[in-house]
Amino acid sequence: DVEYKVKESKELDKTAAELTADRSNVQAELDAVLEYLSKIEDECVAKPESYEQRKARREAELAGLKEALQTLESETALVQRGATHHTLRGSARRHAVLKA
């Protein structure tokens, strides 16, 4: 009975040592994964814009839209001033330019 208990105790000590080693390996792997996760989150998680950044982006967008509108209005005015339409008999007729 004593021999059996000694043998069982040695087997349990061996198993405990193996499990401790396994746990330390798994913990090291978990630490590496968590470190990688924190790096990925820093790169991928959207950070809110500050008010100054939003304001600057909005002002730049408005300036671009105003410039585009001016360009379109000037090109439209040039096209409308030179517009002539031919009638069925071939004579040209000019249309008045309408401005709001």
PDB file of N, CA and C in Angstrom:
ATOM      1  N   ASP A   1       0.840  -1.197   0.000  1.00  0.00           N
ATOM      2  CA  ASP A   1       0.000   0.000   0.000  1.00  0.00           C
ATOM      3  C   ASP A   1       0.880   1.253   0.000  1.00  0.00           C
ATOM      4  N   VAL A   2       1.963   1.258   0.738  1.00  0.00           N
ATOM      5  CA  VAL A   2       2.854   2.410   0.806  1.00  0.00           C
ATOM      6  C   VAL A   2       3.552   2.607  -0.542  1.00  0.00           C
ATOM      7  N   GLU A   3       3.964   1.497  -1.165  1.00  0.00           N
ATOM      8  CA  GLU A   3       4.622   1.590  -2.470  1.00  0.00           C
ATOM      9  C   GLU A   3       3.679   2.218  -3.502  1.00  0.00           C
ATOM     10  N   TYR A   4       2.427   1.812  -3.453  1.00  0.00           N
ATOM     11  CA  TYR A   4       1.426   2.350  -4.370  1.00  0.00           C
ATOM     12  C   TYR A   4       1.257   3.847  -4.155  1.00  0.00           C
ATOM     13  N   LYS A   5       1.224   4.268  -2.901  1.00  0.00           N
ATOM     14  CA  LYS A   5       1.059   5.693  -2.585  1.00  0.00           C
ATOM     15  C   LYS A   5       2.290   6.487  -3.037  1.00  0.00           C
ATOM     16  N   VAL A   6       3.478   5.950  -2.878  1.00  0.00           N
ATOM     17  CA  VAL A   6       4.701   6.623  -3.301  1.00  0.00           C
ATOM     18  C   VAL A   6       4.721   6.742  -4.828  1.00  0.00           C
ATOM     19  N   LYS A   7       4.355   5.648  -5.499  1.00  0.00           N
ATOM     20  CA  LYS A   7       4.306   5.659  -6.972  1.00  0.00           C
ATOM     21  C   LYS A   7       3.280   6.685  -7.459  1.00  0.00           C
ATOM     22  N   GLU A   8       2.122   6.665  -6.847  1.00  0.00           N
ATOM     23  CA  GLU A   8       1.071   7.621  -7.221  1.00  0.00           C
ATOM     24  C   GLU A   8       1.512   9.056  -6.955  1.00  0.00           C
ATOM     25  N   SER A   9       2.209   9.302  -5.875  1.00  0.00           N
ATOM     26  CA  SER A   9       2.697  10.630  -5.538  1.00  0.00           C
ATOM     27  C   SER A   9       3.713  11.122  -6.569  1.00  0.00           C
ATOM     28  N   LYS A  10       4.607  10.214  -6.997  1.00  0.00           N
ATOM     29  CA  LYS A  10       5.594  10.585  -8.013  1.00  0.00           C
ATOM     30  C   LYS A  10       4.913  10.910  -9.343  1.00  0.00           C
ATOM     31  N   GLU A  11       3.912  10.106  -9.713  1.00  0.00           N
ATOM     32  CA  GLU A  11       3.171  10.366 -10.957  1.00  0.00           C
ATOM     33  C   GLU A  11       2.433  11.707 -10.877  1.00  0.00           C
ATOM     34  N   LEU A  12       1.865  12.009  -9.740  1.00  0.00           N
ATOM     35  CA  LEU A  12       1.162  13.289  -9.569  1.00  0.00           C
ATOM     36  C   LEU A  12       2.141  14.461  -9.613  1.00  0.00           C
ATOM     37  N   ASP A  13       3.305  14.289  -9.027  1.00  0.00           N
ATOM     38  CA  ASP A  13       4.326  15.346  -9.096  1.00  0.00           C
ATOM     39  C   ASP A  13       4.760  15.582 -10.541  1.00  0.00           C
ATOM     40  N   LYS A  14       4.948  14.479 -11.280  1.00  0.00           N
ATOM     41  CA  LYS A  14       5.336  14.589 -12.687  1.00  0.00           C
ATOM     42  C   LYS A  14       4.242  15.292 -13.499  1.00  0.00           C
ATOM     43  N   THR A  15       3.009  14.902 -13.274  1.00  0.00           N
ATOM     44  CA  THR A  15       1.875  15.525 -13.973  1.00  0.00           C
ATOM     45  C   THR A  15       1.771  17.002 -13.616  1.00  0.00           C
ATOM     46  N   ALA A  16       1.959  17.320 -12.348  1.00  0.00           N
ATOM     47  CA  ALA A  16       1.896  18.719 -11.912  1.00  0.00           C
ATOM     48  C   ALA A  16       2.996  19.544 -12.587  1.00  0.00           C
ATOM     49  N   ALA A  17       4.192  18.979 -12.713  1.00  0.00           N
ATOM     50  CA  ALA A  17       5.296  19.685 -13.365  1.00  0.00           C
ATOM     51  C   ALA A  17       4.995  19.912 -14.845  1.00  0.00           C
ATOM     52  N   GLU A  18       4.438  18.899 -15.514  1.00  0.00           N
ATOM     53  CA  GLU A  18       4.078  19.036 -16.933  1.00  0.00           C
ATOM     54  C   GLU A  18       2.998  20.100 -17.118  1.00  0.00           C
ATOM     55  N   LEU A  19       2.007  20.066 -16.257  1.00  0.00           N
ATOM     56  CA  LEU A  19       0.918  21.047 -16.366  1.00  0.00           C
ATOM     57  C   LEU A  19       1.413  22.456 -16.073  1.00  0.00           C
ATOM     58  N   THR A  20       2.338  22.604 -15.143  1.00  0.00           N
ATOM     59  CA  THR A  20       2.912  23.916 -14.846  1.00  0.00           C
ATOM     60  C   THR A  20       3.680  24.444 -16.055  1.00  0.00           C
ATOM     61  N   ALA A  21       4.441  23.568 -16.703  1.00  0.00           N
ATOM     62  CA  ALA A  21       5.184  23.967 -17.903  1.00  0.00           C
ATOM     63  C   ALA A  21       4.217  24.349 -19.023  1.00  0.00           C
ATOM     64  N   ASP A  22       3.163  23.539 -19.194  1.00  0.00           N
ATOM     65  CA  ASP A  22       2.157  23.848 -20.211  1.00  0.00           C
ATOM     66  C   ASP A  22       1.508  25.203 -19.937  1.00  0.00           C
ATOM     67  N   ARG A  23       1.187  25.437 -18.677  1.00  0.00           N
ATOM     68  CA  ARG A  23       0.538  26.708 -18.313  1.00  0.00           C
ATOM     69  C   ARG A  23       1.455  27.882 -18.609  1.00  0.00           C
ATOM     70  N   SER A  24       2.731  27.772 -18.305  1.00  0.00           N
ATOM     71  CA  SER A  24       3.655  28.883 -18.563  1.00  0.00           C
ATOM     72  C   SER A  24       3.803  29.122 -20.071  1.00  0.00           C
ATOM     73  N   ASN A  25       3.807  28.044 -20.873  1.00  0.00           N
ATOM     74  CA  ASN A  25       3.868  28.207 -22.336  1.00  0.00           C
ATOM     75  C   ASN A  25       2.611  28.882 -22.879  1.00  0.00           C
ATOM     76  N   VAL A  26       1.474  28.441 -22.377  1.00  0.00           N
ATOM     77  CA  VAL A  26       0.205  29.039 -22.829  1.00  0.00           C
ATOM     78  C   VAL A  26       0.129  30.497 -22.394  1.00  0.00           C
ATOM     79  N   GLN A  27       0.607  30.803 -21.195  1.00  0.00           N
ATOM     80  CA  GLN A  27       0.595  32.192 -20.723  1.00  0.00           C
ATOM     81  C   GLN A  27       1.493  33.070 -21.591  1.00  0.00           C
ATOM     82  N   ALA A  28       2.667  32.545 -21.979  1.00  0.00           N
ATOM     83  CA  ALA A  28       3.565  33.310 -22.856  1.00  0.00           C
ATOM     84  C   ALA A  28       2.911  33.555 -24.212  1.00  0.00           C
ATOM     85  N   GLU A  29       2.219  32.536 -24.724  1.00  0.00           N
ATOM     86  CA  GLU A  29       1.519  32.702 -26.003  1.00  0.00           C
ATOM     87  C   GLU A  29       0.395  33.724 -25.873  1.00  0.00           C
ATOM     88  N   LEU A  30      -0.343  33.664 -24.783  1.00  0.00           N
ATOM     89  CA  LEU A  30      -1.426  34.622 -24.550  1.00  0.00           C
ATOM     90  C   LEU A  30      -0.879  36.036 -24.455  1.00  0.00           C
ATOM     91  N   ASP A  31       0.228  36.221 -23.757  1.00  0.00           N
ATOM     92  CA  ASP A  31       0.831  37.554 -23.649  1.00  0.00           C
ATOM     93  C   ASP A  31       1.217  38.091 -25.026  1.00  0.00           C
ATOM     94  N   ALA A  32       1.778  37.226 -25.878  1.00  0.00           N
ATOM     95  CA  ALA A  32       2.161  37.656 -27.221  1.00  0.00           C
ATOM     96  C   ALA A  32       0.931  38.039 -28.037  1.00  0.00           C
ATOM     97  N   VAL A  33      -0.124  37.255 -27.925  1.00  0.00           N
ATOM     98  CA  VAL A  33      -1.359  37.545 -28.668  1.00  0.00           C
ATOM     99  C   VAL A  33      -1.984  38.851 -28.182  1.00  0.00           C
ATOM    100  N   LEU A  34      -1.999  39.068 -26.890  1.00  0.00           N
ATOM    101  CA  LEU A  34      -2.573  40.308 -26.350  1.00  0.00           C
ATOM    102  C   LEU A  34      -1.755  41.534 -26.778  1.00  0.00           C
ATOM    103  N   GLU A  35      -0.446  41.391 -26.826  1.00  0.00           N
ATOM    104  CA  GLU A  35       0.402  42.489 -27.287  1.00  0.00           C
ATOM    105  C   GLU A  35       0.109  42.803 -28.756  1.00  0.00           C
ATOM    106  N   TYR A  36      -0.015  41.748 -29.573  1.00  0.00           N
ATOM    107  CA  TYR A  36      -0.342  41.927 -30.991  1.00  0.00           C
ATOM    108  C   TYR A  36      -1.715  42.583 -31.145  1.00  0.00           C
ATOM    109  N   LEU A  37      -2.674  42.142 -30.341  1.00  0.00           N
ATOM    110  CA  LEU A  37      -4.017  42.717 -30.384  1.00  0.00           C
ATOM    111  C   LEU A  37      -3.997  44.199 -30.063  1.00  0.00           C
ATOM    112  N   SER A  38      -3.219  44.594 -29.076  1.00  0.00           N
ATOM    113  CA  SER A  38      -3.176  46.014 -28.714  1.00  0.00           C
ATOM    114  C   SER A  38      -2.576  46.840 -29.856  1.00  0.00           C
ATOM    115  N   LYS A  39      -1.576  46.300 -30.564  1.00  0.00           N
ATOM    116  CA  LYS A  39      -1.011  47.019 -31.714  1.00  0.00           C
ATOM    117  C   LYS A  39      -2.032  47.146 -32.832  1.00  0.00           C
ATOM    118  N   ILE A  40      -2.755  46.065 -33.091  1.00  0.00           N
ATOM    119  CA  ILE A  40      -3.779  46.083 -34.144  1.00  0.00           C
ATOM    120  C   ILE A  40      -4.889  47.070 -33.791  1.00  0.00           C
ATOM    121  N   GLU A  41      -5.317  47.086 -32.553  1.00  0.00           N
ATOM    122  CA  GLU A  41      -6.379  48.005 -32.148  1.00  0.00           C
ATOM    123  C   GLU A  41      -5.937  49.453 -32.309  1.00  0.00           C
ATOM    124  N   ASP A  42      -4.668  49.743 -32.006  1.00  0.00           N
ATOM    125  CA  ASP A  42      -4.175  51.108 -32.182  1.00  0.00           C
ATOM    126  C   ASP A  42      -4.255  51.531 -33.640  1.00  0.00           C
ATOM    127  N   GLU A  43      -4.014  50.595 -34.558  1.00  0.00           N
ATOM    128  CA  GLU A  43      -4.032  50.919 -35.979  1.00  0.00           C
ATOM    129  C   GLU A  43      -5.443  50.935 -36.552  1.00  0.00           C
ATOM    130  N   CYS A  44      -6.315  50.069 -36.050  1.00  0.00           N
ATOM    131  CA  CYS A  44      -7.604  49.850 -36.705  1.00  0.00           C
ATOM    132  C   CYS A  44      -8.792  50.570 -36.067  1.00  0.00           C
ATOM    133  N   VAL A  45      -8.716  50.845 -34.801  1.00  0.00           N
ATOM    134  CA  VAL A  45      -9.860  51.462 -34.130  1.00  0.00           C
ATOM    135  C   VAL A  45      -9.901  52.944 -34.506  1.00  0.00           C
ATOM    136  N   ALA A  46     -11.064  53.368 -34.982  1.00  0.00           N
ATOM    137  CA  ALA A  46     -11.229  54.752 -35.408  1.00  0.00           C
ATOM    138  C   ALA A  46     -11.190  55.671 -34.192  1.00  0.00           C
ATOM    139  N   LYS A  47     -10.373  56.692 -34.299  1.00  0.00           N
ATOM    140  CA  LYS A  47     -10.285  57.674 -33.227  1.00  0.00           C
ATOM    141  C   LYS A  47     -11.120  58.887 -33.637  1.00  0.00           C
ATOM    142  N   PRO A  48     -11.872  59.448 -32.726  1.00  0.00           N
ATOM    143  CA  PRO A  48     -12.714  60.583 -33.095  1.00  0.00           C
ATOM    144  C   PRO A  48     -11.868  61.801 -33.471  1.00  0.00           C
ATOM    145  N   GLU A  49     -12.350  62.523 -34.486  1.00  0.00           N
ATOM    146  CA  GLU A  49     -11.660  63.742 -34.915  1.00  0.00           C
ATOM    147  C   GLU A  49     -11.884  64.852 -33.894  1.00  0.00           C
ATOM    148  N   SER A  50     -10.911  65.697 -33.765  1.00  0.00           N
ATOM    149  CA  SER A  50     -11.094  66.844 -32.889  1.00  0.00           C
ATOM    150  C   SER A  50     -11.977  67.864 -33.615  1.00  0.00           C
ATOM    151  N   TYR A  51     -12.505  68.806 -32.852  1.00  0.00           N
ATOM    152  CA  TYR A  51     -13.370  69.826 -33.446  1.00  0.00           C
ATOM    153  C   TYR A  51     -12.614  70.629 -34.493  1.00  0.00           C
ATOM    154  N   GLU A  52     -11.348  70.944 -34.217  1.00  0.00           N
ATOM    155  CA  GLU A  52     -10.554  71.744 -35.153  1.00  0.00           C
ATOM    156  C   GLU A  52     -10.349  71.004 -36.471  1.00  0.00           C
ATOM    157  N   GLN A  53     -10.124  69.700 -36.388  1.00  0.00           N
ATOM    158  CA  GLN A  53      -9.938  68.916 -37.614  1.00  0.00           C
ATOM    159  C   GLN A  53     -11.227  68.862 -38.430  1.00  0.00           C
ATOM    160  N   ARG A  54     -12.353  68.643 -37.758  1.00  0.00           N
ATOM    161  CA  ARG A  54     -13.631  68.612 -38.476  1.00  0.00           C
ATOM    162  C   ARG A  54     -13.928  69.954 -39.111  1.00  0.00           C
ATOM    163  N   LYS A  55     -13.668  71.036 -38.370  1.00  0.00           N
ATOM    164  CA  LYS A  55     -13.935  72.381 -38.874  1.00  0.00           C
ATOM    165  C   LYS A  55     -13.065  72.675 -40.089  1.00  0.00           C
ATOM    166  N   ALA A  56     -11.783  72.332 -40.025  1.00  0.00           N
ATOM    167  CA  ALA A  56     -10.874  72.582 -41.151  1.00  0.00           C
ATOM    168  C   ALA A  56     -11.288  71.767 -42.373  1.00  0.00           C
ATOM    169  N   ARG A  57     -11.668  70.506 -42.169  1.00  0.00           N
ATOM    170  CA  ARG A  57     -12.099  69.661 -43.289  1.00  0.00           C
ATOM    171  C   ARG A  57     -13.379  70.212 -43.913  1.00  0.00           C
ATOM    172  N   ARG A  58     -14.317  70.651 -43.081  1.00  0.00           N
ATOM    173  CA  ARG A  58     -15.580  71.203 -43.582  1.00  0.00           C
ATOM    174  C   ARG A  58     -15.337  72.502 -44.348  1.00  0.00           C
ATOM    175  N   GLU A  59     -14.462  73.373 -43.835  1.00  0.00           N
ATOM    176  CA  GLU A  59     -14.171  74.629 -44.528  1.00  0.00           C
ATOM    177  C   GLU A  59     -13.486  74.375 -45.868  1.00  0.00           C
ATOM    178  N   ALA A  60     -12.588  73.399 -45.919  1.00  0.00           N
ATOM    179  CA  ALA A  60     -11.927  73.070 -47.181  1.00  0.00           C
ATOM    180  C   ALA A  60     -12.931  72.525 -48.184  1.00  0.00           C
ATOM    181  N   GLU A  61     -13.856  71.709 -47.718  1.00  0.00           N
ATOM    182  CA  GLU A  61     -14.884  71.172 -48.601  1.00  0.00           C
ATOM    183  C   GLU A  61     -15.786  72.280 -49.130  1.00  0.00           C
ATOM    184  N   LEU A  62     -16.180  73.204 -48.257  1.00  0.00           N
ATOM    185  CA  LEU A  62     -17.025  74.323 -48.697  1.00  0.00           C
ATOM    186  C   LEU A  62     -16.297  75.210 -49.705  1.00  0.00           C
ATOM    187  N   ALA A  63     -15.018  75.464 -49.473  1.00  0.00           N
ATOM    188  CA  ALA A  63     -14.243  76.280 -50.412  1.00  0.00           C
ATOM    189  C   ALA A  63     -14.173  75.605 -51.772  1.00  0.00           C
ATOM    190  N   GLY A  64     -13.970  74.303 -51.781  1.00  0.00           N
ATOM    191  CA  GLY A  64     -13.933  73.566 -53.039  1.00  0.00           C
ATOM    192  C   GLY A  64     -15.268  73.603 -53.761  1.00  0.00           C
ATOM    193  N   LEU A  65     -16.357  73.460 -53.018  1.00  0.00           N
ATOM    194  CA  LEU A  65     -17.689  73.511 -53.629  1.00  0.00           C
ATOM    195  C   LEU A  65     -17.998  74.902 -54.184  1.00  0.00           C
ATOM    196  N   LYS A  66     -17.597  75.949 -53.464  1.00  0.00           N
ATOM    197  CA  LYS A  66     -17.822  77.304 -53.962  1.00  0.00           C
ATOM    198  C   LYS A  66     -17.032  77.549 -55.237  1.00  0.00           C
ATOM    199  N   GLU A  67     -15.796  77.060 -55.272  1.00  0.00           N
ATOM    200  CA  GLU A  67     -14.972  77.218 -56.473  1.00  0.00           C
ATOM    201  C   GLU A  67     -15.587  76.464 -57.647  1.00  0.00           C
ATOM    202  N   ALA A  68     -16.082  75.263 -57.392  1.00  0.00           N
ATOM    203  CA  ALA A  68     -16.721  74.481 -58.452  1.00  0.00           C
ATOM    204  C   ALA A  68     -17.975  75.184 -58.951  1.00  0.00           C
ATOM    205  N   LEU A  69     -18.749  75.760 -58.044  1.00  0.00           N
ATOM    206  CA  LEU A  69     -19.961  76.479 -58.435  1.00  0.00           C
ATOM    207  C   LEU A  69     -19.620  77.683 -59.302  1.00  0.00           C
ATOM    208  N   GLN A  70     -18.593  78.440 -58.925  1.00  0.00           N
ATOM    209  CA  GLN A  70     -18.178  79.589 -59.733  1.00  0.00           C
ATOM    210  C   GLN A  70     -17.738  79.153 -61.123  1.00  0.00           C
ATOM    211  N   THR A  71     -16.988  78.068 -61.192  1.00  0.00           N
ATOM    212  CA  THR A  71     -16.541  77.559 -62.484  1.00  0.00           C
ATOM    213  C   THR A  71     -17.723  77.163 -63.339  1.00  0.00           C
ATOM    214  N   LEU A  72     -18.674  76.450 -62.751  1.00  0.00           N
ATOM    215  CA  LEU A  72     -19.856  76.032 -63.511  1.00  0.00           C
ATOM    216  C   LEU A  72     -20.673  77.231 -63.975  1.00  0.00           C
ATOM    217  N   GLU A  73     -20.832  78.212 -63.102  1.00  0.00           N
ATOM    218  CA  GLU A  73     -21.609  79.391 -63.483  1.00  0.00           C
ATOM    219  C   GLU A  73     -20.927  80.160 -64.607  1.00  0.00           C
ATOM    220  N   SER A  74     -19.601  80.310 -64.552  1.00  0.00           N
ATOM    221  CA  SER A  74     -18.909  81.054 -65.608  1.00  0.00           C
ATOM    222  C   SER A  74     -18.936  80.286 -66.924  1.00  0.00           C
ATOM    223  N   GLU A  75     -18.801  78.972 -66.890  1.00  0.00           N
ATOM    224  CA  GLU A  75     -18.853  78.179 -68.117  1.00  0.00           C
ATOM    225  C   GLU A  75     -20.259  78.185 -68.694  1.00  0.00           C
ATOM    226  N   THR A  76     -21.270  78.134 -67.847  1.00  0.00           N
ATOM    227  CA  THR A  76     -22.650  78.168 -68.312  1.00  0.00           C
ATOM    228  C   THR A  76     -22.951  79.511 -68.961  1.00  0.00           C
ATOM    229  N   ALA A  77     -22.461  80.589 -68.367  1.00  0.00           N
ATOM    230  CA  ALA A  77     -22.698  81.916 -68.937  1.00  0.00           C
ATOM    231  C   ALA A  77     -22.027  82.034 -70.299  1.00  0.00           C
ATOM    232  N   LEU A  78     -20.829  81.499 -70.428  1.00  0.00           N
ATOM    233  CA  LEU A  78     -20.137  81.550 -71.722  1.00  0.00           C
ATOM    234  C   LEU A  78     -20.869  80.734 -72.766  1.00  0.00           C
ATOM    235  N   VAL A  79     -21.363  79.591 -72.400  1.00  0.00           N
ATOM    236  CA  VAL A  79     -22.080  78.738 -73.348  1.00  0.00           C
ATOM    237  C   VAL A  79     -23.395  79.392 -73.753  1.00  0.00           C
ATOM    238  N   GLN A  80     -24.101  80.010 -72.823  1.00  0.00           N
ATOM    239  CA  GLN A  80     -25.399  80.602 -73.123  1.00  0.00           C
ATOM    240  C   GLN A  80     -25.258  81.848 -73.990  1.00  0.00           C
ATOM    241  N   ARG A  81     -24.174  82.598 -73.826  1.00  0.00           N
ATOM    242  CA  ARG A  81     -24.021  83.813 -74.626  1.00  0.00           C
ATOM    243  C   ARG A  81     -23.804  83.496 -76.098  1.00  0.00           C
ATOM    244  N   GLY A  82     -23.130  82.413 -76.390  1.00  0.00           N
ATOM    245  CA  GLY A  82     -22.839  82.098 -77.776  1.00  0.00           C
ATOM    246  C   GLY A  82     -23.799  81.102 -78.383  1.00  0.00           C
ATOM    247  N   ALA A  83     -24.899  80.826 -77.736  1.00  0.00           N
ATOM    248  CA  ALA A  83     -25.820  79.807 -78.228  1.00  0.00           C
ATOM    249  C   ALA A  83     -26.668  80.359 -79.367  1.00  0.00           C
ATOM    250  N   THR A  84     -26.629  79.674 -80.461  1.00  0.00           N
ATOM    251  CA  THR A  84     -27.520  79.987 -81.577  1.00  0.00           C
ATOM    252  C   THR A  84     -28.191  78.694 -81.984  1.00  0.00           C
ATOM    253  N   HIS A  85     -29.427  78.807 -82.386  1.00  0.00           N
ATOM    254  CA  HIS A  85     -30.179  77.631 -82.814  1.00  0.00           C
ATOM    255  C   HIS A  85     -30.666  77.882 -84.237  1.00  0.00           C
ATOM    256  N   HIS A  86     -30.608  76.849 -85.039  1.00  0.00           N
ATOM    257  CA  HIS A  86     -31.085  76.955 -86.407  1.00  0.00           C
ATOM    258  C   HIS A  86     -32.531  76.490 -86.481  1.00  0.00           C
ATOM    259  N   THR A  87     -33.291  77.189 -87.264  1.00  0.00           N
ATOM    260  CA  THR A  87     -34.686  76.805 -87.464  1.00  0.00           C
ATOM    261  C   THR A  87     -34.754  75.830 -88.632  1.00  0.00           C
ATOM    262  N   LEU A  88     -35.922  75.401 -88.933  1.00  0.00           N
ATOM    263  CA  LEU A  88     -36.095  74.430 -90.010  1.00  0.00           C
ATOM    264  C   LEU A  88     -35.640  74.987 -91.361  1.00  0.00           C
ATOM    265  N   ARG A  89     -35.747  76.264 -91.586  1.00  0.00           N
ATOM    266  CA  ARG A  89     -35.388  76.847 -92.883  1.00  0.00           C
ATOM    267  C   ARG A  89     -33.917  77.243 -92.957  1.00  0.00           C
ATOM    268  N   GLY A  90     -33.167  76.986 -91.865  1.00  0.00           N
ATOM    269  CA  GLY A  90     -31.737  77.217 -91.919  1.00  0.00           C
ATOM    270  C   GLY A  90     -31.274  78.564 -91.400  1.00  0.00           C
ATOM    271  N   SER A  91     -32.171  79.454 -91.055  1.00  0.00           N
ATOM    272  CA  SER A  91     -31.729  80.743 -90.543  1.00  0.00           C
ATOM    273  C   SER A  91     -31.427  80.622 -89.048  1.00  0.00           C
ATOM    274  N   ALA A  92     -30.454  81.383 -88.597  1.00  0.00           N
ATOM    275  CA  ALA A  92     -30.045  81.318 -87.190  1.00  0.00           C
ATOM    276  C   ALA A  92     -30.915  82.227 -86.348  1.00  0.00           C
ATOM    277  N   ARG A  93     -31.219  81.791 -85.172  1.00  0.00           N
ATOM    278  CA  ARG A  93     -31.997  82.603 -84.249  1.00  0.00           C
ATOM    279  C   ARG A  93     -31.299  82.565 -82.895  1.00  0.00           C
ATOM    280  N   ARG A  94     -31.045  83.731 -82.312  1.00  0.00           N
ATOM    281  CA  ARG A  94     -30.372  83.808 -81.023  1.00  0.00           C
ATOM    282  C   ARG A  94     -31.404  83.807 -79.901  1.00  0.00           C
ATOM    283  N   HIS A  95     -31.046  83.061 -78.844  1.00  0.00           N
ATOM    284  CA  HIS A  95     -31.907  83.014 -77.669  1.00  0.00           C
ATOM    285  C   HIS A  95     -31.383  83.956 -76.620  1.00  0.00           C
ATOM    286  N   ALA A  96     -32.298  84.625 -75.950  1.00  0.00           N
ATOM    287  CA  ALA A  96     -31.896  85.549 -74.876  1.00  0.00           C
ATOM    288  C   ALA A  96     -31.384  84.734 -73.690  1.00  0.00           C
ATOM    289  N   VAL A  97     -30.394  85.318 -73.062  1.00  0.00           N
ATOM    290  CA  VAL A  97     -29.798  84.659 -71.890  1.00  0.00           C
ATOM    291  C   VAL A  97     -30.644  85.020 -70.680  1.00  0.00           C
ATOM    292  N   LEU A  98     -31.092  83.994 -69.974  1.00  0.00           N
ATOM    293  CA  LEU A  98     -31.911  84.219 -68.772  1.00  0.00           C
ATOM    294  C   LEU A  98     -31.038  84.060 -67.553  1.00  0.00           C
ATOM    295  N   LYS A  99     -31.049  85.067 -66.703  1.00  0.00           N
ATOM    296  CA  LYS A  99     -30.304  84.993 -65.443  1.00  0.00           C
ATOM    297  C   LYS A  99     -31.258  85.237 -64.296  1.00  0.00           C
ATOM    298  N   ALA A 100     -31.068  84.480 -63.278  1.00  0.00           N
ATOM    299  CA  ALA A 100     -31.941  84.613 -62.115  1.00  0.00           C
ATOM    300  C   ALA A 100     -31.413  85.706 -61.213  1.00  0.00           C
TER     301      ALA A 100
END
